[in-house]
C-alpha atoms as a PDB file:
ATOM      1  CA  MET A   1       7.053  -9.463 -18.447  1.00  0.00           C
ATOM      2  CA  ILE A   2      10.098  -7.203 -18.181  1.00  0.00           C
ATOM      3  CA  GLY A   3      13.335  -9.087 -17.626  1.00  0.00           C
ATOM      4  CA  SER A   4      15.891  -7.912 -15.089  1.00  0.00           C
ATOM      5  CA  ARG A   5      19.644  -8.084 -14.668  1.00  0.00           C
ATOM      6  CA  SER A   6      20.871  -6.784 -11.343  1.00  0.00           C
ATOM      7  CA  ARG A   7      24.103  -7.280  -9.453  1.00  0.00           C
ATOM      8  CA  SER A   8      23.038  -5.195  -6.518  1.00  0.00           C
ATOM      9  CA  GLY A   9      20.475  -2.655  -5.464  1.00  0.00           C
ATOM     10  CA  PRO A  10      17.839  -2.168  -2.816  1.00  0.00           C
ATOM     11  CA  GLY A  11      16.499  -5.323  -1.208  1.00  0.00           C
ATOM     12  CA  PRO A  12      12.812  -6.292  -0.913  1.00  0.00           C
ATOM     13  CA  ALA A  13      12.387  -4.729   2.542  1.00  0.00           C
ATOM     14  CA  GLU A  14      13.824  -1.380   1.438  1.00  0.00           C
ATOM     15  CA  LEU A  15      11.810  -1.419  -1.787  1.00  0.00           C
ATOM     16  CA  SER A  16       8.621  -2.149   0.151  1.00  0.00           C
ATOM     17  CA  ARG A  17       9.281   0.710   2.543  1.00  0.00           C
ATOM     18  CA  THR A  18      10.104   3.006  -0.381  1.00  0.00           C
ATOM     19  CA  ALA A  19       6.960   2.034  -2.290  1.00  0.00           C
ATOM     20  CA  LEU A  20       4.721   2.696   0.713  1.00  0.00           C
ATOM     21  CA  GLY A  21       6.217   6.143   1.132  1.00  0.00           C
ATOM     22  CA  HIS A  22       7.008   7.238  -2.425  1.00  0.00           C
ATOM     23  CA  ALA A  23       4.738   5.498  -4.922  1.00  0.00           C
ATOM     24  CA  PRO A  24       2.673   8.202  -6.668  1.00  0.00           C
ATOM     25  CA  LEU A  25      -0.568   6.850  -5.203  1.00  0.00           C
ATOM     26  CA  LEU A  26      -1.774   4.192  -2.800  1.00  0.00           C
ATOM     27  CA  ALA A  27      -4.959   2.361  -3.754  1.00  0.00           C
ATOM     28  CA  VAL A  28      -6.576   1.771  -0.365  1.00  0.00           C
ATOM     29  CA  ARG A  29      -9.526  -0.633  -0.113  1.00  0.00           C
ATOM     30  CA  THR A  30     -11.723  -1.655   2.780  1.00  0.00           C
ATOM     31  CA  SER A  31     -14.716  -3.985   2.688  1.00  0.00           C
ATOM     32  CA  GLY A  32     -16.971  -1.079   1.744  1.00  0.00           C
ATOM     33  CA  ALA A  33     -14.820   1.657   0.208  1.00  0.00           C
ATOM     34  CA  GLU A  34     -11.911   2.446  -2.050  1.00  0.00           C
ATOM     35  CA  GLU A  35      -9.807   5.596  -2.295  1.00  0.00           C
ATOM     36  CA  LEU A  36      -6.594   6.722  -3.971  1.00  0.00           C
ATOM     37  CA  VAL A  37      -4.303   8.395  -1.442  1.00  0.00           C
ATOM     38  CA  ALA A  38      -1.362  10.600  -2.389  1.00  0.00           C
ATOM     39  CA  VAL A  39      -0.444  12.388   0.843  1.00  0.00           C
ATOM     40  CA  ARG A  40       0.939  10.095   3.521  1.00  0.00           C
ATOM     41  CA  GLY A  41       3.995   9.188   5.554  1.00  0.00           C
ATOM     42  CA  VAL A  42       5.514   5.999   6.944  1.00  0.00           C
ATOM     43  CA  ASP A  43       6.083   5.951  10.712  1.00  0.00           C
ATOM     44  CA  VAL A  44       9.024   4.330  12.493  1.00  0.00           C
ATOM     45  CA  ASP A  45       6.912   1.277  13.332  1.00  0.00           C
ATOM     46  CA  GLY A  46       6.104   0.700   9.651  1.00  0.00           C
ATOM     47  CA  SER A  47       2.525   1.931   9.870  1.00  0.00           C
ATOM     48  CA  VAL A  48       1.383   4.295   7.123  1.00  0.00           C
ATOM     49  CA  VAL A  49      -0.382   7.525   8.072  1.00  0.00           C
ATOM     50  CA  LEU A  50      -2.866   8.550   5.382  1.00  0.00           C
ATOM     51  CA  LEU A  51      -4.260  12.052   4.929  1.00  0.00           C
ATOM     52  CA  VAL A  52      -7.749  11.821   3.413  1.00  0.00           C
ATOM     53  CA  ALA A  53     -10.847  13.964   3.066  1.00  0.00           C
ATOM     54  CA  ALA A  54     -12.972  13.937   6.198  1.00  0.00           C
ATOM     55  CA  ASP A  55     -16.058  13.278   4.084  1.00  0.00           C
ATOM     56  CA  GLY A  56     -14.348  10.748   1.819  1.00  0.00           C
ATOM     57  CA  PRO A  57     -15.279   7.081   1.304  1.00  0.00           C
ATOM     58  CA  LEU A  58     -12.694   5.607   3.677  1.00  0.00           C
ATOM     59  CA  VAL A  59     -13.707   7.762   6.628  1.00  0.00           C
ATOM     60  CA  HIS A  60     -17.374   7.160   5.856  1.00  0.00           C
ATOM     61  CA  ASP A  61     -16.792   3.392   5.823  1.00  0.00           C
ATOM     62  CA  LEU A  62     -14.782   3.381   9.064  1.00  0.00           C
ATOM     63  CA  CYS A  63     -17.453   5.406  10.838  1.00  0.00           C
ATOM     64  CA  ARG A  64     -20.417   3.259   9.841  1.00  0.00           C
ATOM     65  CA  PRO A  65     -22.409   1.979  12.838  1.00  0.00           C
ATOM     66  CA  GLY A  66     -21.206  -1.439  13.882  1.00  0.00           C
ATOM     67  CA  THR A  67     -17.866  -1.146  12.090  1.00  0.00           C
ATOM     68  CA  PRO A  68     -14.897  -2.534  14.107  1.00  0.00           C
ATOM     69  CA  GLU A  69     -12.373  -0.039  15.435  1.00  0.00           C
ATOM     70  CA  HIS A  70      -9.708  -1.711  13.279  1.00  0.00           C
ATOM     71  CA  GLY A  71     -11.021  -2.751   9.865  1.00  0.00           C
ATOM     72  CA  PRO A  72      -9.373  -5.088   7.331  1.00  0.00           C
ATOM     73  CA  CYS A  73      -7.722  -3.220   4.505  1.00  0.00           C
ATOM     74  CA  SER A  74      -5.622  -3.815   1.392  1.00  0.00           C
ATOM     75  CA  VAL A  75      -3.177  -1.395  -0.187  1.00  0.00           C
ATOM     76  CA  ASP A  76      -1.646  -1.525  -3.671  1.00  0.00           C
ATOM     77  CA  ALA A  77       1.277   0.648  -4.751  1.00  0.00           C
ATOM     78  CA  ALA A  78       3.775   0.758  -7.592  1.00  0.00           C
ATOM     79  CA  LEU A  79       7.110   2.421  -8.236  1.00  0.00           C
ATOM     80  CA  LEU A  80       6.881   3.717 -11.795  1.00  0.00           C
ATOM     81  CA  SER A  81       9.294   4.873 -14.449  1.00  0.00           C
ATOM     82  CA  PRO A  82       8.639   8.451 -15.655  1.00  0.00           C
ATOM     83  CA  VAL A  83       9.693   7.366 -19.161  1.00  0.00           C
ATOM     84  CA  PRO A  84       6.765   6.607 -21.509  1.00  0.00           C
ATOM     85  CA  ALA A  85       6.448   2.874 -22.181  1.00  0.00           C
ATOM     86  CA  ALA A  86       3.841   0.160 -22.512  1.00  0.00           C
ATOM     87  CA  ASP A  87       4.775  -1.056 -19.025  1.00  0.00           C
ATOM     88  CA  ARG A  88       6.082   1.608 -16.632  1.00  0.00           C
ATOM     89  CA  VAL A  89       5.833  -0.506 -13.471  1.00  0.00           C
ATOM     90  CA  LEU A  90       9.249  -1.167 -11.949  1.00  0.00           C
ATOM     91  CA  HIS A  91       8.061  -2.704  -8.686  1.00  0.00           C
ATOM     92  CA  ALA A  92       4.537  -3.569  -7.526  1.00  0.00           C
ATOM     93  CA  LEU A  93       3.569  -3.857  -3.860  1.00  0.00           C
ATOM     94  CA  ALA A  94       0.422  -5.441  -2.414  1.00  0.00           C
ATOM     95  CA  ALA A  95      -0.203  -5.116   1.308  1.00  0.00           C
ATOM     96  CA  ARG A  96      -2.871  -6.360   3.682  1.00  0.00           C
ATOM     97  CA  GLY A  97      -3.520  -5.229   7.222  1.00  0.00           C
ATOM     98  CA  LEU A  98      -5.757  -3.148   9.437  1.00  0.00           C
ATOM     99  CA  LEU A  99      -6.968   0.419   9.003  1.00  0.00           C
ATOM    100  CA  GLU A 100      -8.106   2.767  11.756  1.00  0.00           C
ATOM    101  CA  LEU A 101      -8.772   6.396  12.468  1.00  0.00           C
ATOM    102  CA  ALA A 102      -5.563   7.820  13.924  1.00  0.00           C
ATOM    103  CA  GLU A 103      -6.113   8.548  17.614  1.00  0.00           C
ATOM    104  CA  ASP A 104      -2.666  10.146  18.095  1.00  0.00           C
ATOM    105  CA  VAL A 105      -3.501  13.059  15.818  1.00  0.00           C
ATOM    106  CA  GLU A 106      -0.492  15.258  16.609  1.00  0.00           C
ATOM    107  CA  ALA A 107       2.026  12.428  16.231  1.00  0.00           C
ATOM    108  CA  ALA A 108       0.334  11.197  13.054  1.00  0.00           C
ATOM    109  CA  LEU A 109       0.330  14.689  11.572  1.00  0.00           C
ATOM    110  CA  GLU A 110       4.038  15.022  12.294  1.00  0.00           C
ATOM    111  CA  VAL A 111       4.695  11.805  10.355  1.00  0.00           C
ATOM    112  CA  VAL A 112       3.001  13.237   7.267  1.00  0.00           C
ATOM    113  CA  LEU A 113       4.722  16.609   7.629  1.00  0.00           C
ATOM    114  CA  ARG A 114       8.130  14.901   7.803  1.00  0.00           C
ATOM    115  CA  ALA A 115       7.302  13.110   4.576  1.00  0.00           C
ATOM    116  CA  HIS A 116       6.609  16.443   2.819  1.00  0.00           C
ATOM    117  CA  PRO A 117       9.176  18.840   4.311  1.00  0.00           C
ATOM    118  CA  ALA A 118       9.174  21.198   1.321  1.00  0.00           C
ATOM    119  CA  ARG A 119       5.382  21.277   0.877  1.00  0.00           C
ATOM    120  CA  PRO A 120       3.622  21.687   4.232  1.00  0.00           C
ATOM    121  CA  ASP A 121       0.721  23.236   2.321  1.00  0.00           C
ATOM    122  CA  VAL A 122      -0.246  19.819   0.927  1.00  0.00           C
ATOM    123  CA  VAL A 123      -0.626  18.568   4.512  1.00  0.00           C
ATOM    124  CA  LEU A 124      -2.029  21.593   6.347  1.00  0.00           C
ATOM    125  CA  ARG A 125      -4.923  22.069   3.963  1.00  0.00           C
ATOM    126  CA  PRO A 126      -7.808  24.462   4.617  1.00  0.00           C
ATOM    127  CA  ASP A 127     -10.436  21.820   3.839  1.00  0.00           C
ATOM    128  CA  ALA A 128     -11.554  19.287   6.446  1.00  0.00           C
ATOM    129  CA  SER A 129      -9.167  16.329   6.531  1.00  0.00           C
ATOM    130  CA  ALA A 130      -8.763  13.150   8.532  1.00  0.00           C
ATOM    131  CA  LEU A 131      -5.752  11.030   9.464  1.00  0.00           C
ATOM    132  CA  LEU A 132      -5.871   7.246   9.176  1.00  0.00           C
ATOM    133  CA  ARG A 133      -3.296   4.610  10.101  1.00  0.00           C
ATOM    134  CA  PHE A 134      -2.697   1.493   8.043  1.00  0.00           C
ATOM    135  CA  HIS A 135      -0.882  -1.312   9.893  1.00  0.00           C
ATOM    136  CA  PRO A 136       0.614  -3.771   7.342  1.00  0.00           C
ATOM    137  CA  ALA A 137       0.372  -7.418   8.375  1.00  0.00           C
ATOM    138  CA  ALA A 138       1.413  -8.968   5.043  1.00  0.00           C
ATOM    139  CA  LEU A 139       3.484  -7.561   2.178  1.00  0.00           C
ATOM    140  CA  ASP A 140       4.008  -8.894  -1.330  1.00  0.00           C
ATOM    141  CA  LEU A 141       6.592  -7.268  -3.611  1.00  0.00           C
ATOM    142  CA  ASP A 142       6.672  -8.379  -7.237  1.00  0.00           C
ATOM    143  CA  GLY A 143       5.012 -11.639  -6.284  1.00  0.00           C
ATOM    144  CA  ARG A 144       7.291 -12.442  -3.335  1.00  0.00           C
ATOM    145  CA  SER A 145       6.477 -12.198   0.350  1.00  0.00           C
ATOM    146  CA  VAL A 146       8.296  -9.567   2.431  1.00  0.00           C
ATOM    147  CA  ASP A 147       8.520  -9.668   6.225  1.00  0.00           C
ATOM    148  CA  PRO A 148       6.553  -6.634   7.545  1.00  0.00           C
ATOM    149  CA  ALA A 149       8.985  -6.309  10.463  1.00  0.00           C
ATOM    150  CA  ALA A 150      11.927  -6.143   8.039  1.00  0.00           C
ATOM    151  CA  SER A 151      10.131  -3.515   5.973  1.00  0.00           C
ATOM    152  CA  ALA A 152       9.410  -1.480   9.103  1.00  0.00           C
ATOM    153  CA  ALA A 153      13.079  -1.628  10.110  1.00  0.00           C
ATOM    154  CA  ALA A 154      14.349  -0.717   6.630  1.00  0.00           C
ATOM    155  CA  GLU A 155      15.129   2.821   5.506  1.00  0.00           C
ATOM    156  CA  SER A 156      13.309   4.350   2.580  1.00  0.00           C
ATOM    157  CA  ASP A 157      15.654   5.105  -0.296  1.00  0.00           C
ATOM    158  CA  PRO A 158      17.001   8.663   0.214  1.00  0.00           C
ATOM    159  CA  LEU A 159      16.889   9.380  -3.535  1.00  0.00           C
ATOM    160  CA  ALA A 160      13.295   8.207  -4.048  1.00  0.00           C
ATOM    161  CA  ALA A 161      11.768  11.678  -3.972  1.00  0.00           C
ATOM    162  CA  ASP A 162      14.237  12.941  -6.608  1.00  0.00           C
ATOM    163  CA  SER A 163      14.407   9.925  -8.926  1.00  0.00           C
ATOM    164  CA  ASP A 164      11.852  11.055 -11.529  1.00  0.00           C
ATOM    165  CA  GLU A 165      13.408  14.508 -11.800  1.00  0.00           C
ATOM    166  CA  VAL A 166      16.898  13.035 -12.194  1.00  0.00           C
ATOM    167  CA  VAL A 167      15.767  10.583 -14.888  1.00  0.00           C
ATOM    168  CA  THR A 168      13.905  13.277 -16.804  1.00  0.00           C
ATOM    169  CA  HIS A 169      16.932  15.592 -16.584  1.00  0.00           C
ATOM    170  CA  LEU A 170      19.238  12.887 -17.944  1.00  0.00           C
ATOM    171  CA  LEU A 171      16.947  12.125 -20.863  1.00  0.00           C
ATOM    172  CA  HIS A 172      16.219  15.702 -21.875  1.00  0.00           C
ATOM    173  CA  ASP A 173      19.516  17.437 -21.097  1.00  0.00           C
ATOM    174  CA  HIS A 174      22.197  14.714 -21.316  1.00  0.00           C
ATOM    175  CA  PRO A 175      21.196  12.209 -24.043  1.00  0.00           C
ATOM    176  CA  ASP A 176      24.805  11.812 -25.228  1.00  0.00           C
ATOM    177  CA  ASP A 177      25.950  10.978 -21.694  1.00  0.00           C
ATOM    178  CA  VAL A 178      23.176   8.387 -21.407  1.00  0.00           C
ATOM    179  CA  ALA A 179      24.282   6.792 -24.693  1.00  0.00           C
ATOM    180  CA  ARG A 180      27.884   6.604 -23.468  1.00  0.00           C
ATOM    181  CA  LEU A 181      26.768   4.774 -20.326  1.00  0.00           C
ATOM    182  CA  ALA A 182      25.877   1.875 -22.634  1.00  0.00           C
ATOM    183  CA  PHE A 183      29.615   1.203 -22.917  1.00  0.00           C
ATOM    184  CA  LEU A 184      29.435  -0.152 -19.347  1.00  0.00           C
ATOM    185  CA  LEU A 185      26.747  -2.719 -20.163  1.00  0.00           C
ATOM    186  CA  ASP A 186      27.111  -6.304 -21.313  1.00  0.00           C
ATOM    187  CA  PRO A 187      27.581  -6.053 -25.114  1.00  0.00           C
ATOM    188  CA  ALA A 188      25.233  -9.006 -25.585  1.00  0.00           C
ATOM    189  CA  LEU A 189      22.481  -6.978 -23.984  1.00  0.00           C
ATOM    190  CA  LEU A 190      22.865  -4.311 -26.675  1.00  0.00           C
ATOM    191  CA  GLU A 191      22.520  -6.678 -29.626  1.00  0.00           C
ATOM    192  CA  HIS A 192      19.913  -5.122 -31.944  1.00  0.00           C
ATOM    193  CA  VAL A 193      19.027  -2.558 -29.261  1.00  0.00           C
ATOM    194  CA  ARG A 194      16.129  -0.320 -30.233  1.00  0.00           C
ATOM    195  CA  ALA A 195      16.061   2.053 -27.270  1.00  0.00           C
ATOM    196  CA  LEU A 196      18.024   2.710 -24.124  1.00  0.00           C
ATOM    197  CA  ALA A 197      16.804   4.901 -21.282  1.00  0.00           C
ATOM    198  CA  PRO A 198      17.402   5.459 -17.574  1.00  0.00           C
ATOM    199  CA  VAL A 199      14.239   4.715 -15.590  1.00  0.00           C
ATOM    200  CA  ARG A 200      15.198   5.076 -11.930  1.00  0.00           C
ATOM    201  CA  VAL A 201      18.045   6.101  -9.677  1.00  0.00           C
ATOM    202  CA  ASP A 202      18.514   4.921  -6.106  1.00  0.00           C
ATOM    203  CA  ARG A 203      21.269   5.034  -3.523  1.00  0.00           C
ATOM    204  CA  TYR A 204      22.996   2.031  -5.077  1.00  0.00           C
ATOM    205  CA  GLY A 205      22.998   2.926  -8.753  1.00  0.00           C
ATOM    206  CA  LEU A 206      21.158   3.711 -11.966  1.00  0.00           C
ATOM    207  CA  THR A 207      18.551   1.407 -13.540  1.00  0.00           C
ATOM    208  CA  LEU A 208      18.394   1.381 -17.349  1.00  0.00           C
ATOM    209  CA  ARG A 209      15.733  -0.016 -19.649  1.00  0.00           C
ATOM    210  CA  VAL A 210      16.996  -1.723 -22.796  1.00  0.00           C
ATOM    211  CA  ASP A 211      14.465  -2.434 -25.564  1.00  0.00           C
ATOM    212  CA  SER A 212      15.284  -4.938 -28.306  1.00  0.00           C
ATOM    213  CA  PRO A 213      13.366  -7.354 -30.549  1.00  0.00           C
ATOM    214  CA  ALA A 214      13.876  -9.977 -27.832  1.00  0.00           C
ATOM    215  CA  GLY A 215      11.962  -7.847 -25.330  1.00  0.00           C
ATOM    216  CA  THR A 216      12.635  -5.338 -22.589  1.00  0.00           C
ATOM    217  CA  THR A 217      15.294  -5.771 -19.929  1.00  0.00           C
ATOM    218  CA  LEU A 218      16.045  -3.689 -16.859  1.00  0.00           C
ATOM    219  CA  THR A 219      19.714  -3.589 -15.945  1.00  0.00           C
ATOM    220  CA  ARG A 220      21.757  -1.649 -13.418  1.00  0.00           C
ATOM    221  CA  LEU A 221      24.949   0.385 -13.260  1.00  0.00           C
ATOM    222  CA  ASP A 222      26.291   0.380  -9.714  1.00  0.00           C
ATOM    223  CA  PHE A 223      27.763   3.356  -7.911  1.00  0.00           C
ATOM    224  CA  PRO A 224      31.133   2.737  -6.202  1.00  0.00           C
ATOM    225  CA  ALA A 225      29.402   2.946  -2.818  1.00  0.00           C
ATOM    226  CA  ALA A 226      25.870   3.441  -1.541  1.00  0.00           C
ATOM    227  CA  LEU A 227      24.931   7.122  -1.395  1.00  0.00           C
ATOM    228  CA  ARG A 228      23.736   8.786   1.784  1.00  0.00           C
ATOM    229  CA  GLY A 229      21.617  11.409   0.033  1.00  0.00           C
ATOM    230  CA  PRO A 230      20.967  13.434  -3.152  1.00  0.00           C
ATOM    231  CA  ALA A 231      23.973  15.697  -2.539  1.00  0.00           C
ATOM    232  CA  GLU A 232      26.300  12.777  -3.354  1.00  0.00           C
ATOM    233  CA  LEU A 233      24.580  11.937  -6.662  1.00  0.00           C
ATOM    234  CA  PRO A 234      26.456  14.347  -9.006  1.00  0.00           C
ATOM    235  CA  ALA A 235      29.826  12.883  -8.006  1.00  0.00           C
ATOM    236  CA  ALA A 236      28.513   9.334  -8.407  1.00  0.00           C
ATOM    237  CA  MET A 237      27.200  10.107 -11.902  1.00  0.00           C
ATOM    238  CA  ARG A 238      30.531  11.676 -12.863  1.00  0.00           C
ATOM    239  CA  GLU A 239      32.238   8.487 -11.730  1.00  0.00           C
ATOM    240  CA  LEU A 240      30.008   6.431 -14.027  1.00  0.00           C
ATOM    241  CA  ALA A 241      30.757   8.796 -16.910  1.00  0.00           C
ATOM    242  CA  CYS A 242      34.501   8.481 -16.273  1.00  0.00           C
ATOM    243  CA  ARG A 243      34.259   4.699 -16.243  1.00  0.00           C
ATOM    244  CA  ALA A 244      32.357   4.768 -19.538  1.00  0.00           C
ATOM    245  CA  ALA A 245      34.978   7.038 -21.125  1.00  0.00           C
ATOM    246  CA  GLN A 246      37.721   4.540 -20.249  1.00  0.00           C
ATOM    247  CA  VAL A 247      36.040   1.576 -21.960  1.00  0.00           C
ATOM    248  CA  THR A 248      37.842   0.401 -25.093  1.00  0.00           C
ATOM    249  CA  GLY A 249      36.757  -2.106 -27.688  1.00  0.00           C
ATOM    250  CA  CYS A 250      33.060  -1.512 -27.088  1.00  0.00           C
ATOM    251  CA  PRO A 251      31.087  -2.780 -30.098  1.00  0.00           C
ATOM    252  CA  ARG A 252      28.672   0.139 -29.713  1.00  0.00           C
ATOM    253  CA  ARG A 253      31.334   2.862 -29.478  1.00  0.00           C
ATOM    254  CA  ASP A 254      31.298   3.532 -33.205  1.00  0.00           C
ATOM    255  CA  ALA A 255      27.621   2.784 -33.753  1.00  0.00           C
ATOM    256  CA  ALA A 256      24.872   5.240 -33.010  1.00  0.00           C
ATOM    257  CA  LEU A 257      22.516   4.082 -30.301  1.00  0.00           C
ATOM    258  CA  PRO A 258      18.852   4.836 -30.970  1.00  0.00           C
ATOM    259  CA  ASP A 259      17.330   7.783 -29.241  1.00  0.00           C
ATOM    260  CA  ALA A 260      15.745   7.200 -25.855  1.00  0.00           C
ATOM    261  CA  PRO A 261      11.946   7.323 -25.872  1.00  0.00           C
END
């Protein structure tokens, strides 16, 4: 189990909303079918519009004779770190609710298009597709219940779509800057550290993974204020770098941190 140290960050409702919209895949299960869904969007009421193959297992199951108009459904999703590790799961979401064929096709399609503004081609595909709606009735994030109404009212993290790219950029192009950010961490956390790596960025700050003989811990570096979008991220990262440069007496300042994985 990965430990966690966090002073702030997105709450359970925001994380649930973000996972439904930005996890790499949703594992969608009905009583008679299972399908992995990548292309989808979360509507203002918290329902999730799924774009699936018209001849796929979910559509086939929903259209079986005698099947209720709204069928019971479960959805599993996970926010993952792009950094290789034995356990890349940062947050796991399990949802239960009802699944149906979307009757409001134009409105449902608009939800999915809004979720993929730069890639309409992944939505407007030439092959036959179908739109489904999943209505969450129960949400469980990392083993704790989340109010579906609170999740529906929450905003998805505005940096979620860019997080993996930012983390990969930091690791590959700015390893020295990442090492210096360790100066802002609790020195006790760095005792016998084996590896240090950023794993996710959100509007509130940067999450780092610290590996040591005692195990793996996720810890956070907070931005001065919550960001409104990706355009504010460079300034926030510069602020963290400036804070790290001002730290004196850091026990790791004169010791080489191990390379990130």
